[in-house]
Structure formats: structure tokens, C-alpha cells
Amino acid sequence: MRRMSKKAALELSINAIVIVILAMTLLGLGLGFVRGMFQNIGQTTDQVQDQVREQILDDLRTGDKKLSFPSSQVNINSGDEQLLAMGVKNTEPQKLNFKVKFAEIQTVEGVTTPVEIEPDQALEGRPFDMLWDSTPQNLGPGEAIVIPVTLRTQRTATGTKLLKITILELDESGGEKSDPTTGQPVEYAAKTFFVRFI
């Protein structure tokens, strides 16, 4: 009887060791598979971004567009982050000094006004924030550039927002040029687009 229980205990121990080894092997294979999938996703994302960049540059080269933004509506999941891209081309015969601004177009009591968005700064009550290069930049005649923009949303984001991209002309010292008749900043180019939170 004692011999049988020792034999059963030994078999049980061997079975437990075999199960642990199999479990560790399967875990290692599973982790390797998941890591490979994430690497493939990263490579695919990079390829898509390169294709979008080339599409924007081609769009600017073939036309007389000053500003290229590939979509009139961006759909983004609440609580998600999305990389967008925009292109700027200097169609003038002289150097263009500029900076990029974004604004949310809001209508309050029948009055529509643009509310400027500061880069990477979520304002209270705003369900999203954006990050882009807002420093002064310049382009020679005929040159074009692609500027990446990151859009991040809060989990509570719902509905649709209207945003405006504005390319403001700058003087040589980096200050905003103003129209001598109106005193308003000189817009080199502008475009509106919708952001829909889904």
C-alpha cells in the first residue's frame, strides 16, 4: 500500500513538472507571437504614414495648393490618439516665413468665433488636445513641407467639432504680419475640417 502511494506521488510530481514545462513553453511561444504581431503593426503604421506623406507632397507638387490636408472629416475613437499630417507649399517667388495655428470654431448664442488651440494643452471643457510644431518656419520659393499633427481625445469625448488650420505669414523677425488696412494677421492659407468622436 505504501509502495503504491509513493509511486502515485512520484507520477503526480512528474505530471506536475511536465505540465509546468508545457505551460512555460506555450507562454513563451504566445509572447513571441504577440511581440511579432506588434512589430508588424508598427511597420504597417510607418508604411501608411510614409504613403500619406508622399500623397500630401504629390498633391502640393501637382497643383497650386498652398495647404494640403487629406480629409475634410477625421473620425477618432474617444480616448484614442491619432497621427495626422498636413502639407504647406510656398507658391510665392520669395521666401515664406510662417507658423501654423489651429482653432476650434464655436458658436455661442448665434455668434461664431474661432477659439485658438494651444499645442499640447488640454483646456478645461475641451474633449481633445493637439500637438504640432508651432514654431516659426520658412520655405524657399516652390518648396513644400509635411507637418505631423497628433490629435488626442478624452474618454468622454462625443459629437463633432469644427477645426480650422491657419498658416499665418511672419515677418523676418518672426512676428505676425498684419494687414495694413484691417490690422488683422495675414493668412497665407487656411482650411476647415471636422473631427467626429466615435
C-alpha atoms as a PDB file:
ATOM      1  CA  MET A   1       0.000   0.000   0.000  1.00  0.00           C
ATOM      2  CA  ARG A   2       2.800   2.388   0.971  1.00  0.00           C
ATOM      3  CA  ARG A   3       4.665   1.459  -2.205  1.00  0.00           C
ATOM      4  CA  MET A   4       1.588   2.324  -4.331  1.00  0.00           C
ATOM      5  CA  SER A   5       1.183   5.722  -2.663  1.00  0.00           C
ATOM      6  CA  LYS A   6       4.881   6.559  -3.204  1.00  0.00           C
ATOM      7  CA  LYS A   7       4.564   5.517  -6.854  1.00  0.00           C
ATOM      8  CA  ALA A   8       1.368   7.589  -7.279  1.00  0.00           C
ATOM      9  CA  ALA A   9       3.014  10.595  -5.619  1.00  0.00           C
ATOM     10  CA  LEU A  10       6.053  10.248  -7.899  1.00  0.00           C
ATOM     11  CA  GLU A  11       3.829  10.038 -11.000  1.00  0.00           C
ATOM     12  CA  LEU A  12       1.840  13.052  -9.772  1.00  0.00           C
ATOM     13  CA  SER A  13       5.077  15.046  -9.288  1.00  0.00           C
ATOM     14  CA  ILE A  14       6.340  14.075 -12.753  1.00  0.00           C
ATOM     15  CA  ASN A  15       2.984  15.043 -14.303  1.00  0.00           C
ATOM     16  CA  ALA A  16       3.059  18.391 -12.486  1.00  0.00           C
ATOM     17  CA  ILE A  17       6.600  19.095 -13.760  1.00  0.00           C
ATOM     18  CA  VAL A  18       5.592  18.168 -17.332  1.00  0.00           C
ATOM     19  CA  ILE A  19       2.533  20.463 -17.122  1.00  0.00           C
ATOM     20  CA  VAL A  20       4.654  23.363 -15.809  1.00  0.00           C
ATOM     21  CA  ILE A  21       7.218  22.873 -18.620  1.00  0.00           C
ATOM     22  CA  LEU A  22       4.455  22.737 -21.257  1.00  0.00           C
ATOM     23  CA  ALA A  23       2.793  25.839 -19.783  1.00  0.00           C
ATOM     24  CA  MET A  24       6.085  27.790 -19.815  1.00  0.00           C
ATOM     25  CA  THR A  25       6.765  26.709 -23.407  1.00  0.00           C
ATOM     26  CA  LEU A  26       3.295  27.760 -24.567  1.00  0.00           C
ATOM     27  CA  LEU A  27       3.609  31.066 -22.695  1.00  0.00           C
ATOM     28  CA  GLY A  28       6.945  31.758 -24.401  1.00  0.00           C
ATOM     29  CA  LEU A  29       5.514  30.923 -27.818  1.00  0.00           C
ATOM     30  CA  GLY A  30       2.462  33.103 -27.155  1.00  0.00           C
ATOM     31  CA  LEU A  31       4.572  36.073 -26.045  1.00  0.00           C
ATOM     32  CA  GLY A  32       6.808  35.694 -29.111  1.00  0.00           C
ATOM     33  CA  PHE A  33       3.748  35.645 -31.365  1.00  0.00           C
ATOM     34  CA  VAL A  34       2.244  38.756 -29.740  1.00  0.00           C
ATOM     35  CA  ARG A  35       5.576  40.629 -29.931  1.00  0.00           C
ATOM     36  CA  GLY A  36       5.865  39.733 -33.622  1.00  0.00           C
ATOM     37  CA  MET A  37       2.330  40.998 -34.259  1.00  0.00           C
ATOM     38  CA  PHE A  38       3.088  44.344 -32.578  1.00  0.00           C
ATOM     39  CA  GLN A  39       6.265  44.726 -34.653  1.00  0.00           C
ATOM     40  CA  ASN A  40       4.250  44.080 -37.828  1.00  0.00           C
ATOM     41  CA  ILE A  41       1.621  46.622 -36.757  1.00  0.00           C
ATOM     42  CA  GLY A  42       4.369  49.211 -36.124  1.00  0.00           C
ATOM     43  CA  GLN A  43       5.892  48.583 -39.562  1.00  0.00           C
ATOM     44  CA  THR A  44       2.471  48.836 -41.229  1.00  0.00           C
ATOM     45  CA  THR A  45       1.769  52.117 -39.410  1.00  0.00           C
ATOM     46  CA  ASP A  46       5.119  53.535 -40.555  1.00  0.00           C
ATOM     47  CA  GLN A  47       4.373  52.491 -44.153  1.00  0.00           C
ATOM     48  CA  VAL A  48       0.926  54.124 -44.035  1.00  0.00           C
ATOM     49  CA  GLN A  49       2.433  57.340 -42.627  1.00  0.00           C
ATOM     50  CA  ASP A  50       5.062  57.383 -45.378  1.00  0.00           C
ATOM     51  CA  GLN A  51       2.341  56.864 -48.002  1.00  0.00           C
ATOM     52  CA  VAL A  52       0.248  59.726 -46.547  1.00  0.00           C
ATOM     53  CA  ARG A  53       3.332  61.965 -46.505  1.00  0.00           C
ATOM     54  CA  GLU A  54       4.076  61.165 -50.163  1.00  0.00           C
ATOM     55  CA  GLN A  55       0.421  61.680 -51.101  1.00  0.00           C
ATOM     56  CA  ILE A  56       0.440  65.131 -49.486  1.00  0.00           C
ATOM     57  CA  LEU A  57       3.697  66.126 -51.195  1.00  0.00           C
ATOM     58  CA  ASP A  58       2.395  64.873 -54.584  1.00  0.00           C
ATOM     59  CA  ASP A  59      -0.812  66.841 -54.040  1.00  0.00           C
ATOM     60  CA  LEU A  60       1.193  70.012 -53.376  1.00  0.00           C
ATOM     61  CA  ARG A  61       3.583  69.459 -56.319  1.00  0.00           C
ATOM     62  CA  THR A  62       0.908  68.831 -58.938  1.00  0.00           C
ATOM     63  CA  GLY A  63      -1.358  71.729 -58.020  1.00  0.00           C
ATOM     64  CA  ASP A  64      -1.133  75.319 -56.913  1.00  0.00           C
ATOM     65  CA  LYS A  65      -2.368  74.467 -53.439  1.00  0.00           C
ATOM     66  CA  LYS A  66      -0.741  76.313 -50.581  1.00  0.00           C
ATOM     67  CA  LEU A  67      -2.129  73.956 -47.922  1.00  0.00           C
ATOM     68  CA  SER A  68      -2.952  70.252 -48.196  1.00  0.00           C
ATOM     69  CA  PHE A  69      -4.876  68.330 -45.566  1.00  0.00           C
ATOM     70  CA  PRO A  70      -6.039  64.915 -46.766  1.00  0.00           C
ATOM     71  CA  SER A  71      -9.508  64.825 -45.236  1.00  0.00           C
ATOM     72  CA  SER A  72     -12.473  67.081 -44.574  1.00  0.00           C
ATOM     73  CA  GLN A  73     -13.513  64.830 -41.660  1.00  0.00           C
ATOM     74  CA  VAL A  74     -11.385  62.925 -39.151  1.00  0.00           C
ATOM     75  CA  ASN A  75     -13.067  60.097 -37.222  1.00  0.00           C
ATOM     76  CA  ILE A  76     -11.413  59.181 -33.926  1.00  0.00           C
ATOM     77  CA  ASN A  77     -12.410  56.906 -31.062  1.00  0.00           C
ATOM     78  CA  SER A  78     -12.993  58.557 -27.696  1.00  0.00           C
ATOM     79  CA  GLY A  79      -9.909  58.176 -25.514  1.00  0.00           C
ATOM     80  CA  ASP A  80      -7.712  57.474 -28.547  1.00  0.00           C
ATOM     81  CA  GLU A  81      -4.754  59.204 -30.228  1.00  0.00           C
ATOM     82  CA  GLN A  82      -4.304  59.675 -33.979  1.00  0.00           C
ATOM     83  CA  LEU A  83      -1.424  60.992 -36.064  1.00  0.00           C
ATOM     84  CA  LEU A  84      -2.484  63.358 -38.851  1.00  0.00           C
ATOM     85  CA  ALA A  85      -0.375  65.213 -41.408  1.00  0.00           C
ATOM     86  CA  MET A  86      -0.678  68.444 -43.331  1.00  0.00           C
ATOM     87  CA  GLY A  87       1.420  69.967 -46.090  1.00  0.00           C
ATOM     88  CA  VAL A  88       2.413  73.566 -46.796  1.00  0.00           C
ATOM     89  CA  LYS A  89       3.869  74.798 -50.102  1.00  0.00           C
ATOM     90  CA  ASN A  90       5.380  78.189 -50.869  1.00  0.00           C
ATOM     91  CA  THR A  91       3.816  79.330 -54.141  1.00  0.00           C
ATOM     92  CA  GLU A  92       5.341  82.818 -53.840  1.00  0.00           C
ATOM     93  CA  PRO A  93       8.512  83.963 -55.666  1.00  0.00           C
ATOM     94  CA  GLN A  94      10.159  84.934 -52.345  1.00  0.00           C
ATOM     95  CA  LYS A  95      10.894  83.115 -49.079  1.00  0.00           C
ATOM     96  CA  LEU A  96       7.846  82.373 -46.930  1.00  0.00           C
ATOM     97  CA  ASN A  97       8.099  82.772 -43.148  1.00  0.00           C
ATOM     98  CA  PHE A  98       5.109  81.233 -41.404  1.00  0.00           C
ATOM     99  CA  LYS A  99       3.675  79.429 -38.412  1.00  0.00           C
ATOM    100  CA  VAL A 100       0.763  77.011 -38.061  1.00  0.00           C
ATOM    101  CA  LYS A 101      -2.223  77.690 -35.829  1.00  0.00           C
ATOM    102  CA  PHE A 102      -5.286  75.616 -35.021  1.00  0.00           C
ATOM    103  CA  ALA A 103      -8.594  76.914 -33.724  1.00  0.00           C
ATOM    104  CA  GLU A 104     -11.904  75.384 -32.744  1.00  0.00           C
ATOM    105  CA  ILE A 105     -14.837  77.139 -34.415  1.00  0.00           C
ATOM    106  CA  GLN A 106     -17.507  77.647 -31.751  1.00  0.00           C
ATOM    107  CA  THR A 107     -20.975  79.149 -31.994  1.00  0.00           C
ATOM    108  CA  VAL A 108     -22.314  80.708 -28.800  1.00  0.00           C
ATOM    109  CA  GLU A 109     -25.698  82.466 -28.843  1.00  0.00           C
ATOM    110  CA  GLY A 110     -25.592  82.741 -32.620  1.00  0.00           C
ATOM    111  CA  VAL A 111     -22.086  84.239 -32.722  1.00  0.00           C
ATOM    112  CA  THR A 112     -19.393  82.122 -34.440  1.00  0.00           C
ATOM    113  CA  THR A 113     -15.833  82.676 -33.262  1.00  0.00           C
ATOM    114  CA  PRO A 114     -12.534  80.779 -33.579  1.00  0.00           C
ATOM    115  CA  VAL A 115     -11.045  79.779 -30.213  1.00  0.00           C
ATOM    116  CA  GLU A 116      -7.287  79.273 -30.566  1.00  0.00           C
ATOM    117  CA  ILE A 117      -5.859  75.894 -29.531  1.00  0.00           C
ATOM    118  CA  GLU A 118      -2.503  75.903 -27.782  1.00  0.00           C
ATOM    119  CA  PRO A 119      -0.230  72.965 -28.708  1.00  0.00           C
ATOM    120  CA  ASP A 120      -0.319  70.043 -26.245  1.00  0.00           C
ATOM    121  CA  GLN A 121      -2.511  71.880 -23.777  1.00  0.00           C
ATOM    122  CA  ALA A 122      -5.926  70.456 -22.944  1.00  0.00           C
ATOM    123  CA  LEU A 123      -8.240  73.258 -21.937  1.00  0.00           C
ATOM    124  CA  GLU A 124     -10.941  72.745 -19.359  1.00  0.00           C
ATOM    125  CA  GLY A 125     -14.114  71.603 -21.031  1.00  0.00           C
ATOM    126  CA  ARG A 126     -12.376  70.663 -24.302  1.00  0.00           C
ATOM    127  CA  PRO A 127     -12.589  66.933 -25.073  1.00  0.00           C
ATOM    128  CA  PHE A 128      -9.338  66.839 -27.073  1.00  0.00           C
ATOM    129  CA  ASP A 129      -5.869  68.298 -27.352  1.00  0.00           C
ATOM    130  CA  MET A 130      -3.379  68.601 -30.210  1.00  0.00           C
ATOM    131  CA  LEU A 131       0.372  68.660 -30.621  1.00  0.00           C
ATOM    132  CA  TRP A 132       2.229  70.118 -33.614  1.00  0.00           C
ATOM    133  CA  ASP A 133       5.267  72.264 -34.417  1.00  0.00           C
ATOM    134  CA  SER A 134       4.036  75.785 -33.714  1.00  0.00           C
ATOM    135  CA  THR A 135       7.466  77.420 -34.002  1.00  0.00           C
ATOM    136  CA  PRO A 136       8.255  79.848 -36.851  1.00  0.00           C
ATOM    137  CA  GLN A 137       9.284  78.051 -40.053  1.00  0.00           C
ATOM    138  CA  ASN A 138      10.314  79.102 -43.550  1.00  0.00           C
ATOM    139  CA  LEU A 139      10.214  77.748 -47.083  1.00  0.00           C
ATOM    140  CA  GLY A 140      12.041  78.889 -50.196  1.00  0.00           C
ATOM    141  CA  PRO A 141      10.125  79.514 -53.450  1.00  0.00           C
ATOM    142  CA  GLY A 142       8.454  76.290 -54.625  1.00  0.00           C
ATOM    143  CA  GLU A 143       9.460  74.306 -51.524  1.00  0.00           C
ATOM    144  CA  ALA A 144       6.973  72.153 -49.598  1.00  0.00           C
ATOM    145  CA  ILE A 145       6.937  70.581 -46.151  1.00  0.00           C
ATOM    146  CA  VAL A 146       4.804  67.978 -44.351  1.00  0.00           C
ATOM    147  CA  ILE A 147       3.963  68.765 -40.721  1.00  0.00           C
ATOM    148  CA  PRO A 148       2.746  65.948 -38.439  1.00  0.00           C
ATOM    149  CA  VAL A 149      -0.096  66.661 -36.005  1.00  0.00           C
ATOM    150  CA  THR A 150      -1.140  64.468 -33.084  1.00  0.00           C
ATOM    151  CA  LEU A 151      -4.798  64.536 -32.020  1.00  0.00           C
ATOM    152  CA  ARG A 152      -5.653  63.062 -28.604  1.00  0.00           C
ATOM    153  CA  THR A 153      -9.136  62.700 -27.168  1.00  0.00           C
ATOM    154  CA  GLN A 154     -10.582  62.183 -23.723  1.00  0.00           C
ATOM    155  CA  ARG A 155     -12.734  59.137 -22.985  1.00  0.00           C
ATOM    156  CA  THR A 156     -15.726  61.422 -22.504  1.00  0.00           C
ATOM    157  CA  ALA A 157     -15.405  62.973 -25.990  1.00  0.00           C
ATOM    158  CA  THR A 158     -18.609  62.814 -28.048  1.00  0.00           C
ATOM    159  CA  GLY A 159     -20.122  64.642 -31.003  1.00  0.00           C
ATOM    160  CA  THR A 160     -18.427  66.610 -33.766  1.00  0.00           C
ATOM    161  CA  LYS A 161     -16.127  69.652 -33.652  1.00  0.00           C
ATOM    162  CA  LEU A 162     -15.195  72.049 -36.444  1.00  0.00           C
ATOM    163  CA  LEU A 163     -11.491  72.955 -36.507  1.00  0.00           C
ATOM    164  CA  LYS A 164      -9.557  75.431 -38.619  1.00  0.00           C
ATOM    165  CA  ILE A 165      -5.923  75.250 -39.720  1.00  0.00           C
ATOM    166  CA  THR A 166      -4.381  78.650 -40.406  1.00  0.00           C
ATOM    167  CA  ILE A 167      -0.975  79.351 -41.924  1.00  0.00           C
ATOM    168  CA  LEU A 168      -0.003  82.825 -40.715  1.00  0.00           C
ATOM    169  CA  GLU A 169       2.655  84.854 -42.524  1.00  0.00           C
ATOM    170  CA  LEU A 170       5.525  86.136 -40.389  1.00  0.00           C
ATOM    171  CA  ASP A 171       7.976  88.960 -40.930  1.00  0.00           C
ATOM    172  CA  GLU A 172      11.758  88.479 -40.866  1.00  0.00           C
ATOM    173  CA  SER A 173      11.888  88.939 -37.072  1.00  0.00           C
ATOM    174  CA  GLY A 174       9.304  86.158 -36.529  1.00  0.00           C
ATOM    175  CA  GLY A 175       6.388  88.437 -35.660  1.00  0.00           C
ATOM    176  CA  GLU A 176       2.974  88.035 -37.274  1.00  0.00           C
ATOM    177  CA  LYS A 177       2.437  90.177 -40.376  1.00  0.00           C
ATOM    178  CA  SER A 178      -0.679  92.315 -40.201  1.00  0.00           C
ATOM    179  CA  ASP A 179      -2.854  93.695 -42.976  1.00  0.00           C
ATOM    180  CA  PRO A 180      -2.286  97.496 -43.136  1.00  0.00           C
ATOM    181  CA  THR A 181      -5.983  98.208 -43.822  1.00  0.00           C
ATOM    182  CA  THR A 182      -7.640  95.877 -41.294  1.00  0.00           C
ATOM    183  CA  GLY A 183      -4.849  95.306 -38.781  1.00  0.00           C
ATOM    184  CA  GLN A 184      -5.653  91.577 -38.854  1.00  0.00           C
ATOM    185  CA  PRO A 185      -2.926  88.900 -39.165  1.00  0.00           C
ATOM    186  CA  VAL A 186      -2.151  87.928 -42.765  1.00  0.00           C
ATOM    187  CA  GLU A 187      -3.374  84.400 -43.553  1.00  0.00           C
ATOM    188  CA  TYR A 188      -1.259  82.650 -46.168  1.00  0.00           C
ATOM    189  CA  ALA A 189      -3.704  79.732 -46.317  1.00  0.00           C
ATOM    190  CA  ALA A 190      -6.493  78.216 -44.234  1.00  0.00           C
ATOM    191  CA  LYS A 191      -8.699  75.133 -44.199  1.00  0.00           C
ATOM    192  CA  THR A 192     -11.508  73.830 -42.005  1.00  0.00           C
ATOM    193  CA  PHE A 193     -12.218  70.197 -41.170  1.00  0.00           C
ATOM    194  CA  PHE A 194     -14.472  68.229 -38.847  1.00  0.00           C
ATOM    195  CA  VAL A 195     -13.390  65.938 -36.029  1.00  0.00           C
ATOM    196  CA  ARG A 196     -16.004  63.343 -35.128  1.00  0.00           C
ATOM    197  CA  PHE A 197     -15.632  61.425 -31.871  1.00  0.00           C
ATOM    198  CA  ILE A 198     -16.973  57.857 -32.169  1.00  0.00           C
END
